[in-house]
Amino acid sequence: MGKVAEEFPEMDEVKNDHAYLQLLAGENIEQATHTAQKLSSQKPAILAYRTTVALGLLRKEKLAAAEVYDGWTIDWSTAQDRYKVVYVAVMRSAGRGEEALPVAATINAAALRAEERQLIGLL
């Protein structure tokens, strides 16, 4: 993904996916989080960007990660499972796991990467 991001630096989706994968792997946490924050500030309504910011803050062990979702209505029935996983992990880490239970119940673990399953203890 890094090579694709280098080849297409103008594509925000590619930048976000690259940052997300780095954060899943626990690599380049500062830079990947910064990239996600920049993208999210430009387009705050995009769940993918918010999710990557939340994962970055979670990796940095900041309880503020849960605030990424505060005050925002999300239709979780249409969201990708990877977005749901990050939400559940973030809310649990902030001591707000009860809020995430309905979302957690809809996650298809088979659709997740190993690192995503690990985030919410499905390994």
PDB file of N, CA and C in Angstrom:
ATOM      1  N   MET A   1       0.825  -1.184   0.000  1.00  0.00           N
ATOM      2  CA  MET A   1       0.000   0.000   0.000  1.00  0.00           C
ATOM      3  C   MET A   1       0.872   1.251   0.000  1.00  0.00           C
ATOM      4  N   GLY A   2       2.022   1.171   0.633  1.00  0.00           N
ATOM      5  CA  GLY A   2       2.933   2.313   0.659  1.00  0.00           C
ATOM      6  C   GLY A   2       3.364   2.735  -0.734  1.00  0.00           C
ATOM      7  N   LYS A   3       3.628   1.768  -1.599  1.00  0.00           N
ATOM      8  CA  LYS A   3       4.030   2.087  -2.969  1.00  0.00           C
ATOM      9  C   LYS A   3       2.884   2.735  -3.736  1.00  0.00           C
ATOM     10  N   VAL A   4       1.685   2.247  -3.514  1.00  0.00           N
ATOM     11  CA  VAL A   4       0.514   2.833  -4.178  1.00  0.00           C
ATOM     12  C   VAL A   4       0.325   4.268  -3.696  1.00  0.00           C
ATOM     13  N   ALA A   5       0.497   4.486  -2.403  1.00  0.00           N
ATOM     14  CA  ALA A   5       0.364   5.833  -1.842  1.00  0.00           C
ATOM     15  C   ALA A   5       1.405   6.779  -2.440  1.00  0.00           C
ATOM     16  N   GLU A   6       2.599   6.276  -2.674  1.00  0.00           N
ATOM     17  CA  GLU A   6       3.643   7.096  -3.293  1.00  0.00           C
ATOM     18  C   GLU A   6       3.312   7.426  -4.743  1.00  0.00           C
ATOM     19  N   GLU A   7       2.738   6.453  -5.444  1.00  0.00           N
ATOM     20  CA  GLU A   7       2.407   6.653  -6.856  1.00  0.00           C
ATOM     21  C   GLU A   7       1.202   7.572  -7.057  1.00  0.00           C
ATOM     22  N   PHE A   8       0.299   7.593  -6.097  1.00  0.00           N
ATOM     23  CA  PHE A   8      -0.923   8.387  -6.216  1.00  0.00           C
ATOM     24  C   PHE A   8      -1.096   9.290  -4.995  1.00  0.00           C
ATOM     25  N   PRO A   9      -0.185  10.241  -4.797  1.00  0.00           N
ATOM     26  CA  PRO A   9      -0.238  11.085  -3.598  1.00  0.00           C
ATOM     27  C   PRO A   9      -1.462  11.993  -3.527  1.00  0.00           C
ATOM     28  N   GLU A  10      -2.148  12.160  -4.633  1.00  0.00           N
ATOM     29  CA  GLU A  10      -3.326  13.024  -4.641  1.00  0.00           C
ATOM     30  C   GLU A  10      -4.602  12.283  -4.212  1.00  0.00           C
ATOM     31  N   MET A  11      -4.538  10.987  -4.037  1.00  0.00           N
ATOM     32  CA  MET A  11      -5.722  10.198  -3.698  1.00  0.00           C
ATOM     33  C   MET A  11      -5.850  10.038  -2.183  1.00  0.00           C
ATOM     34  N   ASP A  12      -6.791  10.769  -1.627  1.00  0.00           N
ATOM     35  CA  ASP A  12      -6.995  10.745  -0.178  1.00  0.00           C
ATOM     36  C   ASP A  12      -7.351   9.355   0.341  1.00  0.00           C
ATOM     37  N   GLU A  13      -8.138   8.608  -0.402  1.00  0.00           N
ATOM     38  CA  GLU A  13      -8.545   7.275   0.034  1.00  0.00           C
ATOM     39  C   GLU A  13      -7.331   6.363   0.202  1.00  0.00           C
ATOM     40  N   VAL A  14      -6.387   6.482  -0.714  1.00  0.00           N
ATOM     41  CA  VAL A  14      -5.172   5.665  -0.653  1.00  0.00           C
ATOM     42  C   VAL A  14      -4.324   6.085   0.542  1.00  0.00           C
ATOM     43  N   LYS A  15      -4.204   7.388   0.766  1.00  0.00           N
ATOM     44  CA  LYS A  15      -3.441   7.882   1.926  1.00  0.00           C
ATOM     45  C   LYS A  15      -4.059   7.356   3.217  1.00  0.00           C
ATOM     46  N   ASN A  16      -5.380   7.399   3.297  1.00  0.00           N
ATOM     47  CA  ASN A  16      -6.052   6.929   4.500  1.00  0.00           C
ATOM     48  C   ASN A  16      -5.869   5.418   4.693  1.00  0.00           C
ATOM     49  N   ASP A  17      -6.038   4.650   3.617  1.00  0.00           N
ATOM     50  CA  ASP A  17      -5.866   3.203   3.736  1.00  0.00           C
ATOM     51  C   ASP A  17      -4.443   2.852   4.157  1.00  0.00           C
ATOM     52  N   HIS A  18      -3.476   3.573   3.631  1.00  0.00           N
ATOM     53  CA  HIS A  18      -2.082   3.332   4.006  1.00  0.00           C
ATOM     54  C   HIS A  18      -1.882   3.635   5.497  1.00  0.00           C
ATOM     55  N   ALA A  19      -2.403   4.759   5.938  1.00  0.00           N
ATOM     56  CA  ALA A  19      -2.287   5.118   7.356  1.00  0.00           C
ATOM     57  C   ALA A  19      -2.983   4.080   8.232  1.00  0.00           C
ATOM     58  N   TYR A  20      -4.165   3.642   7.824  1.00  0.00           N
ATOM     59  CA  TYR A  20      -4.920   2.643   8.589  1.00  0.00           C
ATOM     60  C   TYR A  20      -4.119   1.351   8.733  1.00  0.00           C
ATOM     61  N   LEU A  21      -3.555   0.872   7.636  1.00  0.00           N
ATOM     62  CA  LEU A  21      -2.781  -0.370   7.684  1.00  0.00           C
ATOM     63  C   LEU A  21      -1.525  -0.218   8.536  1.00  0.00           C
ATOM     64  N   GLN A  22      -0.889   0.952   8.466  1.00  0.00           N
ATOM     65  CA  GLN A  22       0.277   1.187   9.322  1.00  0.00           C
ATOM     66  C   GLN A  22      -0.135   1.131  10.788  1.00  0.00           C
ATOM     67  N   LEU A  23      -1.242   1.761  11.113  1.00  0.00           N
ATOM     68  CA  LEU A  23      -1.706   1.781  12.497  1.00  0.00           C
ATOM     69  C   LEU A  23      -2.103   0.388  12.973  1.00  0.00           C
ATOM     70  N   LEU A  24      -2.734  -0.388  12.109  1.00  0.00           N
ATOM     71  CA  LEU A  24      -3.066  -1.766  12.479  1.00  0.00           C
ATOM     72  C   LEU A  24      -1.809  -2.540  12.839  1.00  0.00           C
ATOM     73  N   ALA A  25      -0.756  -2.315  12.067  1.00  0.00           N
ATOM     74  CA  ALA A  25       0.507  -3.022  12.289  1.00  0.00           C
ATOM     75  C   ALA A  25       1.337  -2.402  13.412  1.00  0.00           C
ATOM     76  N   GLY A  26       0.892  -1.253  13.921  1.00  0.00           N
ATOM     77  CA  GLY A  26       1.650  -0.580  14.975  1.00  0.00           C
ATOM     78  C   GLY A  26       2.896   0.111  14.457  1.00  0.00           C
ATOM     79  N   GLU A  27       2.874   0.513  13.192  1.00  0.00           N
ATOM     80  CA  GLU A  27       4.039   1.148  12.569  1.00  0.00           C
ATOM     81  C   GLU A  27       3.756   2.621  12.269  1.00  0.00           C
ATOM     82  N   ASN A  28       4.785   3.437  12.360  1.00  0.00           N
ATOM     83  CA  ASN A  28       4.688   4.862  12.004  1.00  0.00           C
ATOM     84  C   ASN A  28       3.462   5.531  12.609  1.00  0.00           C
ATOM     85  N   ILE A  29       3.250   5.290  13.873  1.00  0.00           N
ATOM     86  CA  ILE A  29       2.026   5.738  14.543  1.00  0.00           C
ATOM     87  C   ILE A  29       1.856   7.250  14.483  1.00  0.00           C
ATOM     88  N   GLU A  30       2.893   7.987  14.749  1.00  0.00           N
ATOM     89  CA  GLU A  30       2.784   9.453  14.732  1.00  0.00           C
ATOM     90  C   GLU A  30       2.416   9.974  13.350  1.00  0.00           C
ATOM     91  N   GLN A  31       3.148   9.535  12.338  1.00  0.00           N
ATOM     92  CA  GLN A  31       2.916  10.019  10.977  1.00  0.00           C
ATOM     93  C   GLN A  31       1.560   9.561  10.456  1.00  0.00           C
ATOM     94  N   ALA A  32       1.208   8.309  10.694  1.00  0.00           N
ATOM     95  CA  ALA A  32      -0.074   7.794  10.208  1.00  0.00           C
ATOM     96  C   ALA A  32      -1.244   8.519  10.879  1.00  0.00           C
ATOM     97  N   THR A  33      -1.106   8.792  12.168  1.00  0.00           N
ATOM     98  CA  THR A  33      -2.159   9.521  12.881  1.00  0.00           C
ATOM     99  C   THR A  33      -2.267  10.939  12.342  1.00  0.00           C
ATOM    100  N   HIS A  34      -1.138  11.567  12.107  1.00  0.00           N
ATOM    101  CA  HIS A  34      -1.142  12.925  11.547  1.00  0.00           C
ATOM    102  C   HIS A  34      -1.832  12.949  10.181  1.00  0.00           C
ATOM    103  N   THR A  35      -1.518  11.990   9.339  1.00  0.00           N
ATOM    104  CA  THR A  35      -2.149  11.906   8.019  1.00  0.00           C
ATOM    105  C   THR A  35      -3.660  11.775   8.166  1.00  0.00           C
ATOM    106  N   ALA A  36      -4.097  10.893   9.048  1.00  0.00           N
ATOM    107  CA  ALA A  36      -5.533  10.683   9.252  1.00  0.00           C
ATOM    108  C   ALA A  36      -6.211  11.935   9.794  1.00  0.00           C
ATOM    109  N   GLN A  37      -5.557  12.617  10.727  1.00  0.00           N
ATOM    110  CA  GLN A  37      -6.140  13.840  11.289  1.00  0.00           C
ATOM    111  C   GLN A  37      -6.287  14.917  10.221  1.00  0.00           C
ATOM    112  N   LYS A  38      -5.312  15.018   9.348  1.00  0.00           N
ATOM    113  CA  LYS A  38      -5.378  16.003   8.276  1.00  0.00           C
ATOM    114  C   LYS A  38      -6.538  15.685   7.329  1.00  0.00           C
ATOM    115  N   LEU A  39      -6.660  14.434   6.947  1.00  0.00           N
ATOM    116  CA  LEU A  39      -7.748  14.033   6.052  1.00  0.00           C
ATOM    117  C   LEU A  39      -9.110  14.252   6.708  1.00  0.00           C
ATOM    118  N   SER A  40      -9.210  13.880   7.964  1.00  0.00           N
ATOM    119  CA  SER A  40     -10.479  14.023   8.673  1.00  0.00           C
ATOM    120  C   SER A  40     -10.862  15.479   8.864  1.00  0.00           C
ATOM    121  N   SER A  41      -9.877  16.339   9.077  1.00  0.00           N
ATOM    122  CA  SER A  41     -10.193  17.764   9.242  1.00  0.00           C
ATOM    123  C   SER A  41     -10.699  18.366   7.931  1.00  0.00           C
ATOM    124  N   GLN A  42     -10.237  17.836   6.810  1.00  0.00           N
ATOM    125  CA  GLN A  42     -10.678  18.319   5.505  1.00  0.00           C
ATOM    126  C   GLN A  42     -12.056  17.781   5.124  1.00  0.00           C
ATOM    127  N   LYS A  43     -12.333  16.551   5.539  1.00  0.00           N
ATOM    128  CA  LYS A  43     -13.602  15.888   5.199  1.00  0.00           C
ATOM    129  C   LYS A  43     -14.121  15.135   6.420  1.00  0.00           C
ATOM    130  N   PRO A  44     -14.638  15.859   7.414  1.00  0.00           N
ATOM    131  CA  PRO A  44     -15.028  15.232   8.677  1.00  0.00           C
ATOM    132  C   PRO A  44     -16.199  14.258   8.589  1.00  0.00           C
ATOM    133  N   ALA A  45     -16.965  14.295   7.535  1.00  0.00           N
ATOM    134  CA  ALA A  45     -18.122  13.408   7.432  1.00  0.00           C
ATOM    135  C   ALA A  45     -17.769  12.005   6.937  1.00  0.00           C
ATOM    136  N   ILE A  46     -16.517  11.781   6.591  1.00  0.00           N
ATOM    137  CA  ILE A  46     -16.131  10.472   6.058  1.00  0.00           C
ATOM    138  C   ILE A  46     -15.725   9.550   7.210  1.00  0.00           C
ATOM    139  N   LEU A  47     -16.505   8.497   7.398  1.00  0.00           N
ATOM    140  CA  LEU A  47     -16.280   7.558   8.492  1.00  0.00           C
ATOM    141  C   LEU A  47     -14.909   6.894   8.416  1.00  0.00           C
ATOM    142  N   ALA A  48     -14.434   6.598   7.229  1.00  0.00           N
ATOM    143  CA  ALA A  48     -13.117   5.959   7.085  1.00  0.00           C
ATOM    144  C   ALA A  48     -12.022   6.816   7.703  1.00  0.00           C
ATOM    145  N   TYR A  49     -12.090   8.118   7.493  1.00  0.00           N
ATOM    146  CA  TYR A  49     -11.068   9.011   8.029  1.00  0.00           C
ATOM    147  C   TYR A  49     -11.187   9.114   9.550  1.00  0.00           C
ATOM    148  N   ARG A  50     -12.392   9.228  10.049  1.00  0.00           N
ATOM    149  CA  ARG A  50     -12.599   9.266  11.511  1.00  0.00           C
ATOM    150  C   ARG A  50     -12.105   7.983  12.164  1.00  0.00           C
ATOM    151  N   THR A  51     -12.362   6.876  11.505  1.00  0.00           N
ATOM    152  CA  THR A  51     -11.944   5.581  12.040  1.00  0.00           C
ATOM    153  C   THR A  51     -10.425   5.508  12.153  1.00  0.00           C
ATOM    154  N   THR A  52      -9.734   5.979  11.144  1.00  0.00           N
ATOM    155  CA  THR A  52      -8.266   5.947  11.168  1.00  0.00           C
ATOM    156  C   THR A  52      -7.731   6.880  12.249  1.00  0.00           C
ATOM    157  N   VAL A  53      -8.350   8.043  12.424  1.00  0.00           N
ATOM    158  CA  VAL A  53      -7.951   8.942  13.516  1.00  0.00           C
ATOM    159  C   VAL A  53      -8.152   8.239  14.855  1.00  0.00           C
ATOM    160  N   ALA A  54      -9.303   7.624  15.028  1.00  0.00           N
ATOM    161  CA  ALA A  54      -9.597   6.945  16.290  1.00  0.00           C
ATOM    162  C   ALA A  54      -8.592   5.827  16.555  1.00  0.00           C
ATOM    163  N   LEU A  55      -8.231   5.068  15.528  1.00  0.00           N
ATOM    164  CA  LEU A  55      -7.242   4.001  15.700  1.00  0.00           C
ATOM    165  C   LEU A  55      -5.884   4.580  16.057  1.00  0.00           C
ATOM    166  N   GLY A  56      -5.524   5.679  15.424  1.00  0.00           N
ATOM    167  CA  GLY A  56      -4.249   6.325  15.756  1.00  0.00           C
ATOM    168  C   GLY A  56      -4.202   6.785  17.197  1.00  0.00           C
ATOM    169  N   LEU A  57      -5.278   7.397  17.648  1.00  0.00           N
ATOM    170  CA  LEU A  57      -5.321   7.846  19.049  1.00  0.00           C
ATOM    171  C   LEU A  57      -5.325   6.658  20.004  1.00  0.00           C
ATOM    172  N   LEU A  58      -6.000   5.587  19.621  1.00  0.00           N
ATOM    173  CA  LEU A  58      -5.992   4.378  20.438  1.00  0.00           C
ATOM    174  C   LEU A  58      -4.576   3.824  20.548  1.00  0.00           C
ATOM    175  N   ARG A  59      -3.873   3.782  19.432  1.00  0.00           N
ATOM    176  CA  ARG A  59      -2.487   3.287  19.432  1.00  0.00           C
ATOM    177  C   ARG A  59      -1.577   4.181  20.283  1.00  0.00           C
ATOM    178  N   LYS A  60      -1.926   5.455  20.352  1.00  0.00           N
ATOM    179  CA  LYS A  60      -1.150   6.389  21.167  1.00  0.00           C
ATOM    180  C   LYS A  60      -1.639   6.385  22.617  1.00  0.00           C
ATOM    181  N   GLU A  61      -2.582   5.481  22.911  1.00  0.00           N
ATOM    182  CA  GLU A  61      -3.143   5.300  24.254  1.00  0.00           C
ATOM    183  C   GLU A  61      -3.788   6.570  24.784  1.00  0.00           C
ATOM    184  N   LYS A  62      -4.491   7.245  23.919  1.00  0.00           N
ATOM    185  CA  LYS A  62      -5.193   8.456  24.326  1.00  0.00           C
ATOM    186  C   LYS A  62      -6.681   8.156  24.470  1.00  0.00           C
ATOM    187  N   LEU A  63      -7.209   8.438  25.637  1.00  0.00           N
ATOM    188  CA  LEU A  63      -8.637   8.218  25.866  1.00  0.00           C
ATOM    189  C   LEU A  63      -9.491   9.112  24.977  1.00  0.00           C
ATOM    190  N   ALA A  64      -8.908  10.157  24.445  1.00  0.00           N
ATOM    191  CA  ALA A  64      -9.636  11.067  23.560  1.00  0.00           C
ATOM    192  C   ALA A  64     -10.082  10.376  22.279  1.00  0.00           C
ATOM    193  N   ALA A  65      -9.622   9.185  22.033  1.00  0.00           N
ATOM    194  CA  ALA A  65     -10.020   8.471  20.823  1.00  0.00           C
ATOM    195  C   ALA A  65     -11.538   8.349  20.738  1.00  0.00           C
ATOM    196  N   ALA A  66     -12.199   8.122  21.864  1.00  0.00           N
ATOM    197  CA  ALA A  66     -13.656   7.978  21.868  1.00  0.00           C
ATOM    198  C   ALA A  66     -14.352   9.267  21.453  1.00  0.00           C
ATOM    199  N   GLU A  67     -13.716  10.394  21.696  1.00  0.00           N
ATOM    200  CA  GLU A  67     -14.321  11.688  21.346  1.00  0.00           C
ATOM    201  C   GLU A  67     -14.485  11.861  19.844  1.00  0.00           C
ATOM    202  N   VAL A  68     -13.750  11.086  19.070  1.00  0.00           N
ATOM    203  CA  VAL A  68     -13.864  11.143  17.613  1.00  0.00           C
ATOM    204  C   VAL A  68     -15.301  10.828  17.183  1.00  0.00           C
ATOM    205  N   TYR A  69     -15.984  10.009  17.980  1.00  0.00           N
ATOM    206  CA  TYR A  69     -17.336   9.583  17.644  1.00  0.00           C
ATOM    207  C   TYR A  69     -18.435  10.390  18.341  1.00  0.00           C
ATOM    208  N   ASP A  70     -18.070  11.174  19.337  1.00  0.00           N
ATOM    209  CA  ASP A  70     -19.059  11.927  20.100  1.00  0.00           C
ATOM    210  C   ASP A  70     -19.774  12.963  19.234  1.00  0.00           C
ATOM    211  N   GLY A  71     -21.083  13.036  19.399  1.00  0.00           N
ATOM    212  CA  GLY A  71     -21.872  14.038  18.698  1.00  0.00           C
ATOM    213  C   GLY A  71     -22.082  13.757  17.221  1.00  0.00           C
ATOM    214  N   TRP A  72     -21.826  12.541  16.813  1.00  0.00           N
ATOM    215  CA  TRP A  72     -21.940  12.190  15.409  1.00  0.00           C
ATOM    216  C   TRP A  72     -22.818  10.953  15.279  1.00  0.00           C
ATOM    217  N   THR A  73     -23.867  11.024  14.491  1.00  0.00           N
ATOM    218  CA  THR A  73     -24.758   9.895  14.284  1.00  0.00           C
ATOM    219  C   THR A  73     -24.219   9.042  13.142  1.00  0.00           C
ATOM    220  N   ILE A  74     -24.022   7.777  13.440  1.00  0.00           N
ATOM    221  CA  ILE A  74     -23.454   6.850  12.461  1.00  0.00           C
ATOM    222  C   ILE A  74     -24.449   5.725  12.215  1.00  0.00           C
ATOM    223  N   ASP A  75     -24.708   5.435  10.966  1.00  0.00           N
ATOM    224  CA  ASP A  75     -25.556   4.301  10.611  1.00  0.00           C
ATOM    225  C   ASP A  75     -24.657   3.068  10.543  1.00  0.00           C
ATOM    226  N   TRP A  76     -24.515   2.386  11.670  1.00  0.00           N
ATOM    227  CA  TRP A  76     -23.614   1.247  11.747  1.00  0.00           C
ATOM    228  C   TRP A  76     -24.086   0.078  10.892  1.00  0.00           C
ATOM    229  N   SER A  77     -25.369   0.055  10.521  1.00  0.00           N
ATOM    230  CA  SER A  77     -25.871  -1.049   9.697  1.00  0.00           C
ATOM    231  C   SER A  77     -25.259  -1.043   8.299  1.00  0.00           C
ATOM    232  N   THR A  78     -24.743   0.085   7.871  1.00  0.00           N
ATOM    233  CA  THR A  78     -24.131   0.170   6.538  1.00  0.00           C
ATOM    234  C   THR A  78     -22.611   0.289   6.596  1.00  0.00           C
ATOM    235  N   ALA A  79     -22.055   0.333   7.788  1.00  0.00           N
ATOM    236  CA  ALA A  79     -20.609   0.518   7.948  1.00  0.00           C
ATOM    237  C   ALA A  79     -19.847  -0.792   7.751  1.00  0.00           C
ATOM    238  N   GLN A  80     -18.632  -0.666   7.259  1.00  0.00           N
ATOM    239  CA  GLN A  80     -17.772  -1.836   7.107  1.00  0.00           C
ATOM    240  C   GLN A  80     -17.393  -2.384   8.477  1.00  0.00           C
ATOM    241  N   ASP A  81     -17.166  -3.679   8.532  1.00  0.00           N
ATOM    242  CA  ASP A  81     -16.817  -4.320   9.801  1.00  0.00           C
ATOM    243  C   ASP A  81     -15.542  -3.752  10.409  1.00  0.00           C
ATOM    244  N   ARG A  82     -14.590  -3.352   9.579  1.00  0.00           N
ATOM    245  CA  ARG A  82     -13.343  -2.808  10.128  1.00  0.00           C
ATOM    246  C   ARG A  82     -13.594  -1.502  10.871  1.00  0.00           C
ATOM    247  N   TYR A  83     -14.568  -0.717  10.430  1.00  0.00           N
ATOM    248  CA  TYR A  83     -14.908   0.519  11.130  1.00  0.00           C
ATOM    249  C   TYR A  83     -15.573   0.192  12.464  1.00  0.00           C
ATOM    250  N   LYS A  84     -16.394  -0.825  12.450  1.00  0.00           N
ATOM    251  CA  LYS A  84     -17.077  -1.246  13.672  1.00  0.00           C
ATOM    252  C   LYS A  84     -16.071  -1.729  14.721  1.00  0.00           C
ATOM    253  N   VAL A  85     -15.085  -2.485  14.274  1.00  0.00           N
ATOM    254  CA  VAL A  85     -14.069  -3.022  15.181  1.00  0.00           C
ATOM    255  C   VAL A  85     -13.322  -1.899  15.892  1.00  0.00           C
ATOM    256  N   VAL A  86     -12.892  -0.916  15.132  1.00  0.00           N
ATOM    257  CA  VAL A  86     -12.157   0.196  15.735  1.00  0.00           C
ATOM    258  C   VAL A  86     -13.054   0.928  16.726  1.00  0.00           C
ATOM    259  N   TYR A  87     -14.297   1.172  16.354  1.00  0.00           N
ATOM    260  CA  TYR A  87     -15.239   1.834  17.260  1.00  0.00           C
ATOM    261  C   TYR A  87     -15.369   1.049  18.566  1.00  0.00           C
ATOM    262  N   VAL A  88     -15.582  -0.240  18.470  1.00  0.00           N
ATOM    263  CA  VAL A  88     -15.742  -1.072  19.668  1.00  0.00           C
ATOM    264  C   VAL A  88     -14.475  -1.037  20.522  1.00  0.00           C
ATOM    265  N   ALA A  89     -13.309  -1.172  19.897  1.00  0.00           N
ATOM    266  CA  ALA A  89     -12.045  -1.157  20.645  1.00  0.00           C
ATOM    267  C   ALA A  89     -11.829   0.185  21.338  1.00  0.00           C
ATOM    268  N   VAL A  90     -12.127   1.259  20.637  1.00  0.00           N
ATOM    269  CA  VAL A  90     -11.955   2.604  21.197  1.00  0.00           C
ATOM    270  C   VAL A  90     -12.897   2.824  22.374  1.00  0.00           C
ATOM    271  N   MET A  91     -14.142   2.449  22.198  1.00  0.00           N
ATOM    272  CA  MET A  91     -15.121   2.661  23.269  1.00  0.00           C
ATOM    273  C   MET A  91     -14.785   1.808  24.498  1.00  0.00           C
ATOM    274  N   ARG A  92     -14.348   0.600  24.275  1.00  0.00           N
ATOM    275  CA  ARG A  92     -13.934  -0.253  25.397  1.00  0.00           C
ATOM    276  C   ARG A  92     -12.759   0.377  26.147  1.00  0.00           C
ATOM    277  N   SER A  93     -11.788   0.882  25.398  1.00  0.00           N
ATOM    278  CA  SER A  93     -10.600   1.452  26.043  1.00  0.00           C
ATOM    279  C   SER A  93     -10.937   2.700  26.852  1.00  0.00           C
ATOM    280  N   ALA A  94     -12.018   3.377  26.464  1.00  0.00           N
ATOM    281  CA  ALA A  94     -12.442   4.587  27.173  1.00  0.00           C
ATOM    282  C   ALA A  94     -13.422   4.267  28.301  1.00  0.00           C
ATOM    283  N   GLY A  95     -13.649   2.983  28.563  1.00  0.00           N
ATOM    284  CA  GLY A  95     -14.582   2.596  29.617  1.00  0.00           C
ATOM    285  C   GLY A  95     -16.037   2.777  29.211  1.00  0.00           C
ATOM    286  N   ARG A  96     -16.287   2.820  27.913  1.00  0.00           N
ATOM    287  CA  ARG A  96     -17.636   3.039  27.398  1.00  0.00           C
ATOM    288  C   ARG A  96     -18.088   1.850  26.542  1.00  0.00           C
ATOM    289  N   GLY A  97     -17.631   0.676  26.914  1.00  0.00           N
ATOM    290  CA  GLY A  97     -17.926  -0.526  26.143  1.00  0.00           C
ATOM    291  C   GLY A  97     -19.404  -0.841  25.997  1.00  0.00           C
ATOM    292  N   GLU A  98     -20.194  -0.489  26.995  1.00  0.00           N
ATOM    293  CA  GLU A  98     -21.640  -0.745  26.926  1.00  0.00           C
ATOM    294  C   GLU A  98     -22.270  -0.062  25.717  1.00  0.00           C
ATOM    295  N   GLU A  99     -21.799   1.139  25.394  1.00  0.00           N
ATOM    296  CA  GLU A  99     -22.328   1.877  24.247  1.00  0.00           C
ATOM    297  C   GLU A  99     -22.074   1.137  22.939  1.00  0.00           C
ATOM    298  N   ALA A 100     -21.021   0.356  22.907  1.00  0.00           N
ATOM    299  CA  ALA A 100     -20.611  -0.301  21.672  1.00  0.00           C
ATOM    300  C   ALA A 100     -21.181  -1.711  21.508  1.00  0.00           C
ATOM    301  N   LEU A 101     -21.857  -2.224  22.518  1.00  0.00           N
ATOM    302  CA  LEU A 101     -22.368  -3.594  22.443  1.00  0.00           C
ATOM    303  C   LEU A 101     -23.266  -3.857  21.237  1.00  0.00           C
ATOM    304  N   PRO A 102     -24.207  -2.964  20.921  1.00  0.00           N
ATOM    305  CA  PRO A 102     -25.050  -3.238  19.743  1.00  0.00           C
ATOM    306  C   PRO A 102     -24.243  -3.316  18.441  1.00  0.00           C
ATOM    307  N   VAL A 103     -23.215  -2.513  18.332  1.00  0.00           N
ATOM    308  CA  VAL A 103     -22.364  -2.537  17.142  1.00  0.00           C
ATOM    309  C   VAL A 103     -21.522  -3.811  17.143  1.00  0.00           C
ATOM    310  N   ALA A 104     -20.970  -4.168  18.278  1.00  0.00           N
ATOM    311  CA  ALA A 104     -20.135  -5.364  18.388  1.00  0.00           C
ATOM    312  C   ALA A 104     -20.902  -6.616  17.959  1.00  0.00           C
ATOM    313  N   ALA A 105     -22.179  -6.650  18.263  1.00  0.00           N
ATOM    314  CA  ALA A 105     -23.001  -7.814  17.935  1.00  0.00           C
ATOM    315  C   ALA A 105     -23.184  -8.007  16.427  1.00  0.00           C
ATOM    316  N   THR A 106     -22.910  -6.987  15.642  1.00  0.00           N
ATOM    317  CA  THR A 106     -23.120  -7.083  14.193  1.00  0.00           C
ATOM    318  C   THR A 106     -21.837  -7.335  13.411  1.00  0.00           C
ATOM    319  N   ILE A 107     -20.718  -7.469  14.093  1.00  0.00           N
ATOM    320  CA  ILE A 107     -19.431  -7.646  13.405  1.00  0.00           C
ATOM    321  C   ILE A 107     -19.290  -9.076  12.897  1.00  0.00           C
ATOM    322  N   ASN A 108     -18.910  -9.187  11.647  1.00  0.00           N
ATOM    323  CA  ASN A 108     -18.625 -10.479  11.033  1.00  0.00           C
ATOM    324  C   ASN A 108     -17.119 -10.719  11.159  1.00  0.00           C
ATOM    325  N   ALA A 109     -16.731 -11.520  12.127  1.00  0.00           N
ATOM    326  CA  ALA A 109     -15.307 -11.739  12.398  1.00  0.00           C
ATOM    327  C   ALA A 109     -14.579 -12.336  11.200  1.00  0.00           C
ATOM    328  N   ALA A 110     -15.264 -13.088  10.381  1.00  0.00           N
ATOM    329  CA  ALA A 110     -14.631 -13.716   9.217  1.00  0.00           C
ATOM    330  C   ALA A 110     -14.181 -12.678   8.189  1.00  0.00           C
ATOM    331  N   ALA A 111     -14.761 -11.495   8.235  1.00  0.00           N
ATOM    332  CA  ALA A 111     -14.419 -10.447   7.271  1.00  0.00           C
ATOM    333  C   ALA A 111     -13.250  -9.586   7.726  1.00  0.00           C
ATOM    334  N   LEU A 112     -12.689  -9.889   8.878  1.00  0.00           N
ATOM    335  CA  LEU A 112     -11.645  -9.043   9.471  1.00  0.00           C
ATOM    336  C   LEU A 112     -10.247  -9.578   9.234  1.00  0.00           C
ATOM    337  N   ARG A 113      -9.300  -8.663   9.256  1.00  0.00           N
ATOM    338  CA  ARG A 113      -7.886  -9.033   9.281  1.00  0.00           C
ATOM    339  C   ARG A 113      -7.557  -9.528  10.692  1.00  0.00           C
ATOM    340  N   ALA A 114      -6.496 -10.292  10.812  1.00  0.00           N
ATOM    341  CA  ALA A 114      -6.089 -10.813  12.126  1.00  0.00           C
ATOM    342  C   ALA A 114      -5.864  -9.678  13.119  1.00  0.00           C
ATOM    343  N   GLU A 115      -5.252  -8.584  12.664  1.00  0.00           N
ATOM    344  CA  GLU A 115      -4.981  -7.449  13.554  1.00  0.00           C
ATOM    345  C   GLU A 115      -6.278  -6.794  14.030  1.00  0.00           C
ATOM    346  N   GLU A 116      -7.287  -6.806  13.192  1.00  0.00           N
ATOM    347  CA  GLU A 116      -8.585  -6.241  13.584  1.00  0.00           C
ATOM    348  C   GLU A 116      -9.279  -7.139  14.598  1.00  0.00           C
ATOM    349  N   ARG A 117      -9.210  -8.443  14.372  1.00  0.00           N
ATOM    350  CA  ARG A 117      -9.782  -9.378  15.355  1.00  0.00           C
ATOM    351  C   ARG A 117      -9.084  -9.229  16.701  1.00  0.00           C
ATOM    352  N   GLN A 118      -7.796  -9.021  16.661  1.00  0.00           N
ATOM    353  CA  GLN A 118      -7.017  -8.865  17.883  1.00  0.00           C
ATOM    354  C   GLN A 118      -7.438  -7.610  18.650  1.00  0.00           C
ATOM    355  N   LEU A 119      -7.804  -6.554  17.942  1.00  0.00           N
ATOM    356  CA  LEU A 119      -8.221  -5.319  18.598  1.00  0.00           C
ATOM    357  C   LEU A 119      -9.371  -5.531  19.576  1.00  0.00           C
ATOM    358  N   ILE A 120     -10.263  -6.454  19.227  1.00  0.00           N
ATOM    359  CA  ILE A 120     -11.412  -6.659  20.113  1.00  0.00           C
ATOM    360  C   ILE A 120     -11.424  -8.063  20.719  1.00  0.00           C
ATOM    361  N   GLY A 121     -10.277  -8.708  20.681  1.00  0.00           N
ATOM    362  CA  GLY A 121     -10.119  -9.969  21.389  1.00  0.00           C
ATOM    363  C   GLY A 121     -10.804 -11.154  20.740  1.00  0.00           C
ATOM    364  N   LEU A 122     -10.873 -11.194  19.438  1.00  0.00           N
ATOM    365  CA  LEU A 122     -11.488 -12.325  18.755  1.00  0.00           C
ATOM    366  C   LEU A 122     -10.473 -13.358  18.297  1.00  0.00           C
ATOM    367  N   LEU A 123      -9.215 -13.191  18.694  1.00  0.00           N
ATOM    368  CA  LEU A 123      -8.184 -14.192  18.319  1.00  0.00           C
ATOM    369  C   LEU A 123      -8.052 -15.240  19.393  1.00  0.00           C
TER     370      LEU A 123
END
